[in-house]
PDB file of N, CA and C in Angstrom:
ATOM      1  N   MET A   1     -58.339 217.347 -84.513  1.00  0.00           N
ATOM      2  CA  MET A   1     -57.577 218.313 -85.217  1.00  0.00           C
ATOM      3  C   MET A   1     -56.462 217.712 -86.137  1.00  0.00           C
ATOM      4  N   TYR A   2     -55.719 216.855 -85.598  1.00  0.00           N
ATOM      5  CA  TYR A   2     -54.610 216.259 -86.348  1.00  0.00           C
ATOM      6  C   TYR A   2     -54.855 214.580 -86.139  1.00  0.00           C
ATOM      7  N   PRO A   3     -55.655 213.934 -87.156  1.00  0.00           N
ATOM      8  CA  PRO A   3     -55.957 212.504 -87.018  1.00  0.00           C
ATOM      9  C   PRO A   3     -54.679 211.804 -87.179  1.00  0.00           C
ATOM     10  N   ASP A   4     -54.661 210.551 -86.486  1.00  0.00           N
ATOM     11  CA  ASP A   4     -53.521 209.619 -86.562  1.00  0.00           C
ATOM     12  C   ASP A   4     -52.221 210.177 -86.338  1.00  0.00           C
ATOM     13  N   VAL A   5     -52.065 211.103 -85.304  1.00  0.00           N
ATOM     14  CA  VAL A   5     -50.974 211.634 -84.738  1.00  0.00           C
ATOM     15  C   VAL A   5     -50.303 210.904 -83.664  1.00  0.00           C
ATOM     16  N   THR A   6     -49.298 210.443 -83.530  1.00  0.00           N
ATOM     17  CA  THR A   6     -48.774 209.865 -82.355  1.00  0.00           C
ATOM     18  C   THR A   6     -47.672 210.763 -81.676  1.00  0.00           C
ATOM     19  N   VAL A   7     -47.990 210.809 -80.365  1.00  0.00           N
ATOM     20  CA  VAL A   7     -47.076 211.576 -79.567  1.00  0.00           C
ATOM     21  C   VAL A   7     -46.244 210.825 -78.579  1.00  0.00           C
ATOM     22  N   ALA A   8     -44.889 210.954 -78.613  1.00  0.00           N
ATOM     23  CA  ALA A   8     -44.003 210.304 -77.836  1.00  0.00           C
ATOM     24  C   ALA A   8     -43.232 211.229 -76.793  1.00  0.00           C
ATOM     25  N   PHE A   9     -42.922 210.886 -75.812  1.00  0.00           N
ATOM     26  CA  PHE A   9     -42.022 211.576 -74.801  1.00  0.00           C
ATOM     27  C   PHE A   9     -41.024 210.815 -74.530  1.00  0.00           C
ATOM     28  N   ALA A  10     -39.696 211.624 -74.607  1.00  0.00           N
ATOM     29  CA  ALA A  10     -38.616 211.099 -74.132  1.00  0.00           C
ATOM     30  C   ALA A  10     -38.245 211.546 -72.673  1.00  0.00           C
ATOM     31  N   VAL A  11     -37.843 210.667 -71.837  1.00  0.00           N
ATOM     32  CA  VAL A  11     -37.449 210.892 -70.506  1.00  0.00           C
ATOM     33  C   VAL A  11     -35.956 210.455 -70.124  1.00  0.00           C
ATOM     34  N   ASP A  12     -35.209 211.578 -69.800  1.00  0.00           N
ATOM     35  CA  ASP A  12     -33.868 211.057 -69.288  1.00  0.00           C
ATOM     36  C   ASP A  12     -33.990 210.499 -67.715  1.00  0.00           C
ATOM     37  N   HIS A  13     -33.110 209.695 -67.685  1.00  0.00           N
ATOM     38  CA  HIS A  13     -33.006 209.104 -66.157  1.00  0.00           C
ATOM     39  C   HIS A  13     -32.009 209.876 -65.609  1.00  0.00           C
ATOM     40  N   TRP A  14     -32.349 210.464 -64.415  1.00  0.00           N
ATOM     41  CA  TRP A  14     -31.178 211.170 -63.779  1.00  0.00           C
ATOM     42  C   TRP A  14     -30.990 210.360 -62.675  1.00  0.00           C
ATOM     43  N   PRO A  15     -29.692 210.174 -62.020  1.00  0.00           N
ATOM     44  CA  PRO A  15     -29.437 209.349 -60.891  1.00  0.00           C
ATOM     45  C   PRO A  15     -30.133 209.878 -59.663  1.00  0.00           C
ATOM     46  N   ASP A  16     -30.327 209.202 -58.814  1.00  0.00           N
ATOM     47  CA  ASP A  16     -30.777 209.683 -57.426  1.00  0.00           C
ATOM     48  C   ASP A  16     -29.853 210.559 -56.903  1.00  0.00           C
ATOM     49  N   ARG A  17     -29.960 211.906 -56.871  1.00  0.00           N
ATOM     50  CA  ARG A  17     -29.117 212.719 -56.124  1.00  0.00           C
ATOM     51  C   ARG A  17     -29.228 212.769 -54.878  1.00  0.00           C
ATOM     52  N   SER A  18     -30.112 212.130 -54.121  1.00  0.00           N
ATOM     53  CA  SER A  18     -30.188 212.146 -52.645  1.00  0.00           C
ATOM     54  C   SER A  18     -29.530 211.060 -52.085  1.00  0.00           C
ATOM     55  N   ALA A  19     -29.028 210.083 -52.913  1.00  0.00           N
ATOM     56  CA  ALA A  19     -28.257 209.068 -52.551  1.00  0.00           C
ATOM     57  C   ALA A  19     -26.828 209.388 -52.248  1.00  0.00           C
ATOM     58  N   SER A  20     -26.183 208.991 -51.133  1.00  0.00           N
ATOM     59  CA  SER A  20     -24.872 209.404 -50.957  1.00  0.00           C
ATOM     60  C   SER A  20     -23.916 208.500 -51.706  1.00  0.00           C
ATOM     61  N   PRO A  21     -22.963 209.223 -52.294  1.00  0.00           N
ATOM     62  CA  PRO A  21     -22.068 208.244 -52.875  1.00  0.00           C
ATOM     63  C   PRO A  21     -21.019 207.411 -51.829  1.00  0.00           C
ATOM     64  N   ALA A  22     -20.454 206.271 -52.296  1.00  0.00           N
ATOM     65  CA  ALA A  22     -19.476 205.731 -51.474  1.00  0.00           C
ATOM     66  C   ALA A  22     -18.359 206.718 -51.153  1.00  0.00           C
ATOM     67  N   THR A  23     -17.798 206.605 -50.036  1.00  0.00           N
ATOM     68  CA  THR A  23     -16.849 207.637 -49.569  1.00  0.00           C
ATOM     69  C   THR A  23     -15.501 207.452 -50.376  1.00  0.00           C
ATOM     70  N   THR A  24     -15.112 206.128 -50.847  1.00  0.00           N
ATOM     71  CA  THR A  24     -13.953 205.827 -51.543  1.00  0.00           C
ATOM     72  C   THR A  24     -14.270 204.843 -52.638  1.00  0.00           C
ATOM     73  N   PRO A  25     -13.852 205.042 -53.886  1.00  0.00           N
ATOM     74  CA  PRO A  25     -14.155 204.025 -54.990  1.00  0.00           C
ATOM     75  C   PRO A  25     -13.936 202.736 -54.418  1.00  0.00           C
ATOM     76  N   GLY A  26     -14.778 201.633 -54.664  1.00  0.00           N
ATOM     77  CA  GLY A  26     -14.584 200.341 -54.410  1.00  0.00           C
ATOM     78  C   GLY A  26     -15.122 200.062 -52.909  1.00  0.00           C
ATOM     79  N   GLN A  27     -15.371 201.025 -52.231  1.00  0.00           N
ATOM     80  CA  GLN A  27     -16.121 200.733 -50.790  1.00  0.00           C
ATOM     81  C   GLN A  27     -17.489 200.918 -50.842  1.00  0.00           C
ATOM     82  N   PRO A  28     -18.219 200.242 -50.091  1.00  0.00           N
ATOM     83  CA  PRO A  28     -19.598 200.460 -50.100  1.00  0.00           C
ATOM     84  C   PRO A  28     -20.185 201.616 -49.285  1.00  0.00           C
ATOM     85  N   ASP A  29     -21.323 202.064 -49.456  1.00  0.00           N
ATOM     86  CA  ASP A  29     -21.992 202.949 -48.600  1.00  0.00           C
ATOM     87  C   ASP A  29     -22.242 202.337 -47.154  1.00  0.00           C
ATOM     88  N   CYS A  30     -22.322 203.115 -46.179  1.00  0.00           N
ATOM     89  CA  CYS A  30     -22.640 202.481 -44.826  1.00  0.00           C
ATOM     90  C   CYS A  30     -24.143 202.041 -44.933  1.00  0.00           C
ATOM     91  N   PRO A  31     -24.489 200.702 -44.542  1.00  0.00           N
ATOM     92  CA  PRO A  31     -25.754 200.231 -44.597  1.00  0.00           C
ATOM     93  C   PRO A  31     -26.719 200.864 -43.448  1.00  0.00           C
ATOM     94  N   THR A  32     -27.880 200.672 -43.686  1.00  0.00           N
ATOM     95  CA  THR A  32     -28.899 201.071 -42.756  1.00  0.00           C
ATOM     96  C   THR A  32     -29.018 199.953 -41.783  1.00  0.00           C
ATOM     97  N   VAL A  33     -29.598 200.101 -40.585  1.00  0.00           N
ATOM     98  CA  VAL A  33     -29.926 199.281 -39.594  1.00  0.00           C
ATOM     99  C   VAL A  33     -30.933 198.283 -40.251  1.00  0.00           C
ATOM    100  N   GLU A  34     -31.764 198.542 -40.866  1.00  0.00           N
ATOM    101  CA  GLU A  34     -32.822 197.922 -41.558  1.00  0.00           C
ATOM    102  C   GLU A  34     -32.190 196.767 -42.469  1.00  0.00           C
ATOM    103  N   THR A  35     -31.179 197.224 -43.169  1.00  0.00           N
ATOM    104  CA  THR A  35     -30.427 196.331 -44.132  1.00  0.00           C
ATOM    105  C   THR A  35     -29.727 195.279 -43.370  1.00  0.00           C
ATOM    106  N   LEU A  36     -29.054 195.673 -42.415  1.00  0.00           N
ATOM    107  CA  LEU A  36     -28.350 194.658 -41.461  1.00  0.00           C
ATOM    108  C   LEU A  36     -29.416 193.721 -40.643  1.00  0.00           C
ATOM    109  N   GLY A  37     -30.540 194.158 -40.356  1.00  0.00           N
ATOM    110  CA  GLY A  37     -31.458 193.434 -39.587  1.00  0.00           C
ATOM    111  C   GLY A  37     -32.013 192.394 -40.344  1.00  0.00           C
ATOM    112  N   ASP A  38     -32.029 192.672 -41.758  1.00  0.00           N
ATOM    113  CA  ASP A  38     -32.380 191.460 -42.583  1.00  0.00           C
ATOM    114  C   ASP A  38     -31.457 190.293 -42.750  1.00  0.00           C
ATOM    115  N   LEU A  39     -30.323 190.591 -42.265  1.00  0.00           N
ATOM    116  CA  LEU A  39     -29.217 189.659 -42.381  1.00  0.00           C
ATOM    117  C   LEU A  39     -29.069 188.667 -41.261  1.00  0.00           C
ATOM    118  N   VAL A  40     -29.703 189.072 -40.141  1.00  0.00           N
ATOM    119  CA  VAL A  40     -29.604 188.336 -38.905  1.00  0.00           C
ATOM    120  C   VAL A  40     -30.904 188.007 -38.297  1.00  0.00           C
ATOM    121  N   GLU A  41     -31.157 187.040 -37.559  1.00  0.00           N
ATOM    122  CA  GLU A  41     -32.200 186.817 -36.742  1.00  0.00           C
ATOM    123  C   GLU A  41     -31.839 186.999 -35.238  1.00  0.00           C
ATOM    124  N   LEU A  42     -32.237 187.965 -34.613  1.00  0.00           N
ATOM    125  CA  LEU A  42     -31.820 188.144 -33.296  1.00  0.00           C
ATOM    126  C   LEU A  42     -32.731 187.385 -32.270  1.00  0.00           C
ATOM    127  N   PRO A  43     -31.924 186.839 -31.259  1.00  0.00           N
ATOM    128  CA  PRO A  43     -32.536 186.091 -30.139  1.00  0.00           C
ATOM    129  C   PRO A  43     -33.812 186.685 -29.580  1.00  0.00           C
ATOM    130  N   LYS A  44     -34.643 186.086 -29.098  1.00  0.00           N
ATOM    131  CA  LYS A  44     -35.855 186.619 -28.410  1.00  0.00           C
ATOM    132  C   LYS A  44     -35.530 187.694 -27.462  1.00  0.00           C
ATOM    133  N   ASP A  45     -36.219 188.813 -27.574  1.00  0.00           N
ATOM    134  CA  ASP A  45     -36.194 190.021 -26.749  1.00  0.00           C
ATOM    135  C   ASP A  45     -34.879 190.833 -26.899  1.00  0.00           C
ATOM    136  N   TRP A  46     -34.079 190.498 -27.844  1.00  0.00           N
ATOM    137  CA  TRP A  46     -32.846 191.170 -28.343  1.00  0.00           C
ATOM    138  C   TRP A  46     -33.435 192.278 -29.532  1.00  0.00           C
ATOM    139  N   SER A  47     -32.801 193.313 -29.584  1.00  0.00           N
ATOM    140  CA  SER A  47     -33.055 194.320 -30.590  1.00  0.00           C
ATOM    141  C   SER A  47     -31.777 195.252 -30.860  1.00  0.00           C
ATOM    142  N   PHE A  48     -31.645 195.831 -31.977  1.00  0.00           N
ATOM    143  CA  PHE A  48     -30.852 196.871 -32.176  1.00  0.00           C
ATOM    144  C   PHE A  48     -30.985 198.038 -31.405  1.00  0.00           C
ATOM    145  N   ALA A  49     -29.990 198.488 -30.669  1.00  0.00           N
ATOM    146  CA  ALA A  49     -30.304 199.562 -29.742  1.00  0.00           C
ATOM    147  C   ALA A  49     -30.590 200.882 -30.310  1.00  0.00           C
ATOM    148  N   SER A  50     -30.050 201.166 -31.504  1.00  0.00           N
ATOM    149  CA  SER A  50     -30.440 202.482 -32.187  1.00  0.00           C
ATOM    150  C   SER A  50     -30.344 202.438 -33.763  1.00  0.00           C
ATOM    151  N   ALA A  51     -30.597 203.344 -34.488  1.00  0.00           N
ATOM    152  CA  ALA A  51     -30.564 203.172 -35.865  1.00  0.00           C
ATOM    153  C   ALA A  51     -29.174 203.761 -36.337  1.00  0.00           C
ATOM    154  N   ASP A  52     -28.286 203.940 -35.385  1.00  0.00           N
ATOM    155  CA  ASP A  52     -26.943 204.298 -35.773  1.00  0.00           C
ATOM    156  C   ASP A  52     -26.045 203.054 -36.000  1.00  0.00           C
ATOM    157  N   VAL A  53     -25.495 203.095 -37.306  1.00  0.00           N
ATOM    158  CA  VAL A  53     -24.481 202.004 -37.689  1.00  0.00           C
ATOM    159  C   VAL A  53     -23.110 202.641 -37.884  1.00  0.00           C
ATOM    160  N   GLN A  54     -22.205 202.064 -37.202  1.00  0.00           N
ATOM    161  CA  GLN A  54     -20.826 202.635 -37.169  1.00  0.00           C
ATOM    162  C   GLN A  54     -20.069 201.846 -38.294  1.00  0.00           C
ATOM    163  N   CYS A  55     -19.534 202.708 -39.260  1.00  0.00           N
ATOM    164  CA  CYS A  55     -18.738 202.138 -40.546  1.00  0.00           C
ATOM    165  C   CYS A  55     -17.392 202.553 -40.558  1.00  0.00           C
ATOM    166  N   ALA A  56     -16.656 201.712 -41.157  1.00  0.00           N
ATOM    167  CA  ALA A  56     -15.196 201.954 -41.410  1.00  0.00           C
ATOM    168  C   ALA A  56     -14.848 200.987 -42.675  1.00  0.00           C
ATOM    169  N   GLN A  57     -14.462 201.700 -43.839  1.00  0.00           N
ATOM    170  CA  GLN A  57     -14.110 200.937 -45.150  1.00  0.00           C
ATOM    171  C   GLN A  57     -15.096 199.904 -45.410  1.00  0.00           C
ATOM    172  N   THR A  58     -14.835 198.628 -45.192  1.00  0.00           N
ATOM    173  CA  THR A  58     -15.850 197.540 -45.661  1.00  0.00           C
ATOM    174  C   THR A  58     -16.330 196.840 -44.392  1.00  0.00           C
ATOM    175  N   TRP A  59     -16.500 197.445 -43.237  1.00  0.00           N
ATOM    176  CA  TRP A  59     -16.989 196.823 -41.971  1.00  0.00           C
ATOM    177  C   TRP A  59     -18.020 197.847 -41.347  1.00  0.00           C
ATOM    178  N   ALA A  60     -19.029 197.289 -40.746  1.00  0.00           N
ATOM    179  CA  ALA A  60     -20.011 198.029 -39.971  1.00  0.00           C
ATOM    180  C   ALA A  60     -20.388 197.125 -38.793  1.00  0.00           C
ATOM    181  N   ALA A  61     -20.763 197.986 -37.810  1.00  0.00           N
ATOM    182  CA  ALA A  61     -21.047 197.433 -36.486  1.00  0.00           C
ATOM    183  C   ALA A  61     -22.304 198.158 -35.993  1.00  0.00           C
ATOM    184  N   VAL A  62     -23.138 197.482 -35.263  1.00  0.00           N
ATOM    185  CA  VAL A  62     -24.368 198.071 -34.583  1.00  0.00           C
ATOM    186  C   VAL A  62     -24.412 197.590 -33.197  1.00  0.00           C
ATOM    187  N   GLU A  63     -24.876 198.430 -32.211  1.00  0.00           N
ATOM    188  CA  GLU A  63     -25.083 197.990 -30.797  1.00  0.00           C
ATOM    189  C   GLU A  63     -26.488 197.254 -30.803  1.00  0.00           C
ATOM    190  N   VAL A  64     -26.343 196.098 -29.995  1.00  0.00           N
ATOM    191  CA  VAL A  64     -27.565 195.322 -29.707  1.00  0.00           C
ATOM    192  C   VAL A  64     -27.845 195.490 -28.332  1.00  0.00           C
ATOM    193  N   LYS A  65     -29.178 195.580 -28.128  1.00  0.00           N
ATOM    194  CA  LYS A  65     -29.823 195.537 -26.722  1.00  0.00           C
ATOM    195  C   LYS A  65     -30.254 194.271 -26.369  1.00  0.00           C
ATOM    196  N   ARG A  66     -29.930 193.626 -25.190  1.00  0.00           N
ATOM    197  CA  ARG A  66     -30.475 192.485 -24.716  1.00  0.00           C
ATOM    198  C   ARG A  66     -30.965 192.443 -23.288  1.00  0.00           C
ATOM    199  N   PRO A  67     -31.800 191.635 -22.792  1.00  0.00           N
ATOM    200  CA  PRO A  67     -32.558 191.697 -21.637  1.00  0.00           C
ATOM    201  C   PRO A  67     -31.387 191.566 -20.345  1.00  0.00           C
ATOM    202  N   ALA A  68     -30.378 190.711 -20.621  1.00  0.00           N
ATOM    203  CA  ALA A  68     -29.336 190.499 -19.657  1.00  0.00           C
ATOM    204  C   ALA A  68     -28.461 191.706 -19.577  1.00  0.00           C
ATOM    205  N   GLY A  69     -28.649 192.703 -20.228  1.00  0.00           N
ATOM    206  CA  GLY A  69     -27.889 193.864 -20.289  1.00  0.00           C
ATOM    207  C   GLY A  69     -26.327 193.624 -20.773  1.00  0.00           C
ATOM    208  N   GLY A  70     -25.497 194.542 -20.698  1.00  0.00           N
ATOM    209  CA  GLY A  70     -24.224 194.601 -20.984  1.00  0.00           C
ATOM    210  C   GLY A  70     -24.098 194.818 -22.701  1.00  0.00           C
ATOM    211  N   ASN A  71     -22.980 195.473 -22.837  1.00  0.00           N
ATOM    212  CA  ASN A  71     -22.751 195.869 -24.399  1.00  0.00           C
ATOM    213  C   ASN A  71     -22.423 194.705 -25.127  1.00  0.00           C
ATOM    214  N   VAL A  72     -23.101 194.713 -26.405  1.00  0.00           N
ATOM    215  CA  VAL A  72     -22.754 193.795 -27.345  1.00  0.00           C
ATOM    216  C   VAL A  72     -22.972 194.418 -28.634  1.00  0.00           C
ATOM    217  N   ARG A  73     -21.936 194.200 -29.783  1.00  0.00           N
ATOM    218  CA  ARG A  73     -22.293 194.692 -31.082  1.00  0.00           C
ATOM    219  C   ARG A  73     -22.186 193.473 -31.999  1.00  0.00           C
ATOM    220  N   TYR A  74     -23.036 193.774 -33.186  1.00  0.00           N
ATOM    221  CA  TYR A  74     -22.820 192.751 -34.202  1.00  0.00           C
ATOM    222  C   TYR A  74     -21.913 193.391 -35.287  1.00  0.00           C
ATOM    223  N   LEU A  75     -20.865 192.652 -35.796  1.00  0.00           N
ATOM    224  CA  LEU A  75     -20.055 193.047 -36.729  1.00  0.00           C
ATOM    225  C   LEU A  75     -20.441 192.475 -38.116  1.00  0.00           C
ATOM    226  N   PHE A  76     -20.414 193.377 -39.142  1.00  0.00           N
ATOM    227  CA  PHE A  76     -20.829 192.951 -40.453  1.00  0.00           C
ATOM    228  C   PHE A  76     -19.740 193.325 -41.262  1.00  0.00           C
ATOM    229  N   HIS A  77     -19.334 192.398 -42.545  1.00  0.00           N
ATOM    230  CA  HIS A  77     -18.473 192.772 -43.447  1.00  0.00           C
ATOM    231  C   HIS A  77     -18.941 192.814 -44.778  1.00  0.00           C
ATOM    232  N   TYR A  78     -18.496 193.752 -45.715  1.00  0.00           N
ATOM    233  CA  TYR A  78     -18.926 193.870 -47.062  1.00  0.00           C
ATOM    234  C   TYR A  78     -17.890 193.246 -48.061  1.00  0.00           C
ATOM    235  N   THR A  79     -18.341 192.495 -49.073  1.00  0.00           N
ATOM    236  CA  THR A  79     -17.399 191.974 -50.128  1.00  0.00           C
ATOM    237  C   THR A  79     -18.271 192.378 -51.369  1.00  0.00           C
ATOM    238  N   ALA A  80     -17.490 192.630 -52.511  1.00  0.00           N
ATOM    239  CA  ALA A  80     -18.312 192.907 -53.752  1.00  0.00           C
ATOM    240  C   ALA A  80     -19.168 191.851 -54.145  1.00  0.00           C
ATOM    241  N   ASP A  81     -18.668 190.513 -54.021  1.00  0.00           N
ATOM    242  CA  ASP A  81     -19.392 189.258 -54.668  1.00  0.00           C
ATOM    243  C   ASP A  81     -20.552 189.033 -53.608  1.00  0.00           C
ATOM    244  N   ALA A  82     -20.554 189.176 -52.461  1.00  0.00           N
ATOM    245  CA  ALA A  82     -21.630 188.833 -51.531  1.00  0.00           C
ATOM    246  C   ALA A  82     -22.310 189.944 -50.871  1.00  0.00           C
ATOM    247  N   GLY A  83     -21.874 191.095 -50.977  1.00  0.00           N
ATOM    248  CA  GLY A  83     -22.692 192.140 -50.242  1.00  0.00           C
ATOM    249  C   GLY A  83     -22.234 192.148 -48.664  1.00  0.00           C
ATOM    250  N   TRP A  84     -23.187 192.704 -48.030  1.00  0.00           N
ATOM    251  CA  TRP A  84     -23.116 192.751 -46.480  1.00  0.00           C
ATOM    252  C   TRP A  84     -23.495 191.514 -45.766  1.00  0.00           C
ATOM    253  N   ARG A  85     -22.612 190.943 -45.117  1.00  0.00           N
ATOM    254  CA  ARG A  85     -22.789 189.630 -44.236  1.00  0.00           C
ATOM    255  C   ARG A  85     -22.426 189.762 -42.884  1.00  0.00           C
ATOM    256  N   TYR A  86     -23.181 189.094 -41.987  1.00  0.00           N
ATOM    257  CA  TYR A  86     -22.916 189.091 -40.618  1.00  0.00           C
ATOM    258  C   TYR A  86     -21.584 188.383 -40.437  1.00  0.00           C
ATOM    259  N   GLN A  87     -20.781 188.884 -39.656  1.00  0.00           N
ATOM    260  CA  GLN A  87     -19.367 188.324 -39.358  1.00  0.00           C
ATOM    261  C   GLN A  87     -19.305 187.614 -37.798  1.00  0.00           C
ATOM    262  N   GLU A  88     -19.707 188.434 -36.847  1.00  0.00           N
ATOM    263  CA  GLU A  88     -19.657 187.782 -35.570  1.00  0.00           C
ATOM    264  C   GLU A  88     -20.228 188.989 -34.579  1.00  0.00           C
ATOM    265  N   GLN A  89     -20.379 188.496 -33.160  1.00  0.00           N
ATOM    266  CA  GLN A  89     -20.710 189.334 -32.119  1.00  0.00           C
ATOM    267  C   GLN A  89     -19.471 189.564 -31.337  1.00  0.00           C
ATOM    268  N   GLY A  90     -19.508 190.729 -30.651  1.00  0.00           N
ATOM    269  CA  GLY A  90     -18.401 191.003 -29.525  1.00  0.00           C
ATOM    270  C   GLY A  90     -18.799 192.424 -28.997  1.00  0.00           C
ATOM    271  N   THR A  91     -17.614 192.856 -28.302  1.00  0.00           N
ATOM    272  CA  THR A  91     -17.650 194.208 -27.895  1.00  0.00           C
ATOM    273  C   THR A  91     -16.787 195.305 -28.624  1.00  0.00           C
ATOM    274  N   GLU A  92     -15.570 194.735 -28.864  1.00  0.00           N
ATOM    275  CA  GLU A  92     -14.586 195.426 -29.668  1.00  0.00           C
ATOM    276  C   GLU A  92     -13.724 194.578 -30.445  1.00  0.00           C
ATOM    277  N   TRP A  93     -13.110 195.061 -31.446  1.00  0.00           N
ATOM    278  CA  TRP A  93     -12.343 194.388 -32.487  1.00  0.00           C
ATOM    279  C   TRP A  93     -10.776 195.102 -32.642  1.00  0.00           C
ATOM    280  N   ASP A  94      -9.752 194.432 -33.007  1.00  0.00           N
ATOM    281  CA  ASP A  94      -8.559 194.957 -33.341  1.00  0.00           C
ATOM    282  C   ASP A  94      -8.772 195.439 -34.734  1.00  0.00           C
ATOM    283  N   CYS A  95      -8.506 196.564 -34.974  1.00  0.00           N
ATOM    284  CA  CYS A  95      -8.575 197.270 -36.349  1.00  0.00           C
ATOM    285  C   CYS A  95      -7.394 196.659 -37.243  1.00  0.00           C
ATOM    286  N   ARG A  96      -6.205 196.403 -36.777  1.00  0.00           N
ATOM    287  CA  ARG A  96      -5.323 195.860 -37.626  1.00  0.00           C
ATOM    288  C   ARG A  96      -5.772 194.375 -38.028  1.00  0.00           C
ATOM    289  N   GLU A  97      -6.424 193.545 -37.212  1.00  0.00           N
ATOM    290  CA  GLU A  97      -6.797 192.217 -37.580  1.00  0.00           C
ATOM    291  C   GLU A  97      -7.946 192.283 -38.566  1.00  0.00           C
ATOM    292  N   LEU A  98      -8.578 193.364 -38.547  1.00  0.00           N
ATOM    293  CA  LEU A  98      -9.691 193.628 -39.681  1.00  0.00           C
ATOM    294  C   LEU A  98      -9.168 193.979 -40.953  1.00  0.00           C
ATOM    295  N   GLY A  99      -7.950 194.392 -41.046  1.00  0.00           N
ATOM    296  CA  GLY A  99      -7.260 195.136 -42.041  1.00  0.00           C
ATOM    297  C   GLY A  99      -7.802 196.586 -42.209  1.00  0.00           C
ATOM    298  N   LEU A 100      -8.004 197.207 -41.208  1.00  0.00           N
ATOM    299  CA  LEU A 100      -8.367 198.537 -41.206  1.00  0.00           C
ATOM    300  C   LEU A 100      -7.318 199.416 -41.256  1.00  0.00           C
ATOM    301  N   THR A 101      -7.168 200.432 -42.176  1.00  0.00           N
ATOM    302  CA  THR A 101      -5.842 201.215 -42.033  1.00  0.00           C
ATOM    303  C   THR A 101      -6.169 202.536 -41.205  1.00  0.00           C
ATOM    304  N   ARG A 102      -7.474 202.878 -40.684  1.00  0.00           N
ATOM    305  CA  ARG A 102      -7.667 203.968 -39.832  1.00  0.00           C
ATOM    306  C   ARG A 102      -8.541 203.538 -38.627  1.00  0.00           C
ATOM    307  N   PRO A 103      -8.394 204.251 -37.631  1.00  0.00           N
ATOM    308  CA  PRO A 103      -9.223 203.857 -36.266  1.00  0.00           C
ATOM    309  C   PRO A 103     -10.659 203.793 -36.685  1.00  0.00           C
ATOM    310  N   ALA A 104     -11.475 203.061 -35.984  1.00  0.00           N
ATOM    311  CA  ALA A 104     -12.920 202.774 -36.118  1.00  0.00           C
ATOM    312  C   ALA A 104     -13.587 202.905 -34.743  1.00  0.00           C
ATOM    313  N   PRO A 105     -14.757 203.384 -34.518  1.00  0.00           N
ATOM    314  CA  PRO A 105     -15.331 203.325 -33.163  1.00  0.00           C
ATOM    315  C   PRO A 105     -15.603 202.111 -32.637  1.00  0.00           C
ATOM    316  N   PHE A 106     -15.573 201.040 -33.333  1.00  0.00           N
ATOM    317  CA  PHE A 106     -15.790 199.675 -32.695  1.00  0.00           C
ATOM    318  C   PHE A 106     -14.484 198.981 -32.514  1.00  0.00           C
ATOM    319  N   CYS A 107     -13.387 199.515 -32.843  1.00  0.00           N
ATOM    320  CA  CYS A 107     -12.042 198.899 -32.605  1.00  0.00           C
ATOM    321  C   CYS A 107     -11.233 199.423 -31.292  1.00  0.00           C
ATOM    322  N   THR A 108     -10.363 198.492 -30.860  1.00  0.00           N
ATOM    323  CA  THR A 108      -9.468 198.913 -29.779  1.00  0.00           C
ATOM    324  C   THR A 108      -8.352 199.608 -30.160  1.00  0.00           C
ATOM    325  N   SER A 109      -7.792 199.457 -31.411  1.00  0.00           N
ATOM    326  CA  SER A 109      -6.699 200.138 -31.981  1.00  0.00           C
ATOM    327  C   SER A 109      -6.925 200.588 -33.241  1.00  0.00           C
TER     328      SER A 109
END
């Protein structure tokens, strides 16, 4: 009907509205257990105890299940230049030493 007609479609890009925004500007979203699992190699027979990651400001902690039993958590820290990185393992940390201004579920104070 219309020879030599070109049709173009313009598509606006809408941000993913399902993604949750960071709670405070300059602070990261809480990572998933899968994201944190990509950062560490757990010893044989160890695993993350659940999919629940506990977050406070630039810190994240996740419970680890191990055959010997006992509570242990892996602590991760976020920086803008490096992203999420493994920090250490333990049971609880002092919020003030981590620079946290509010209590966190993985802190003693």
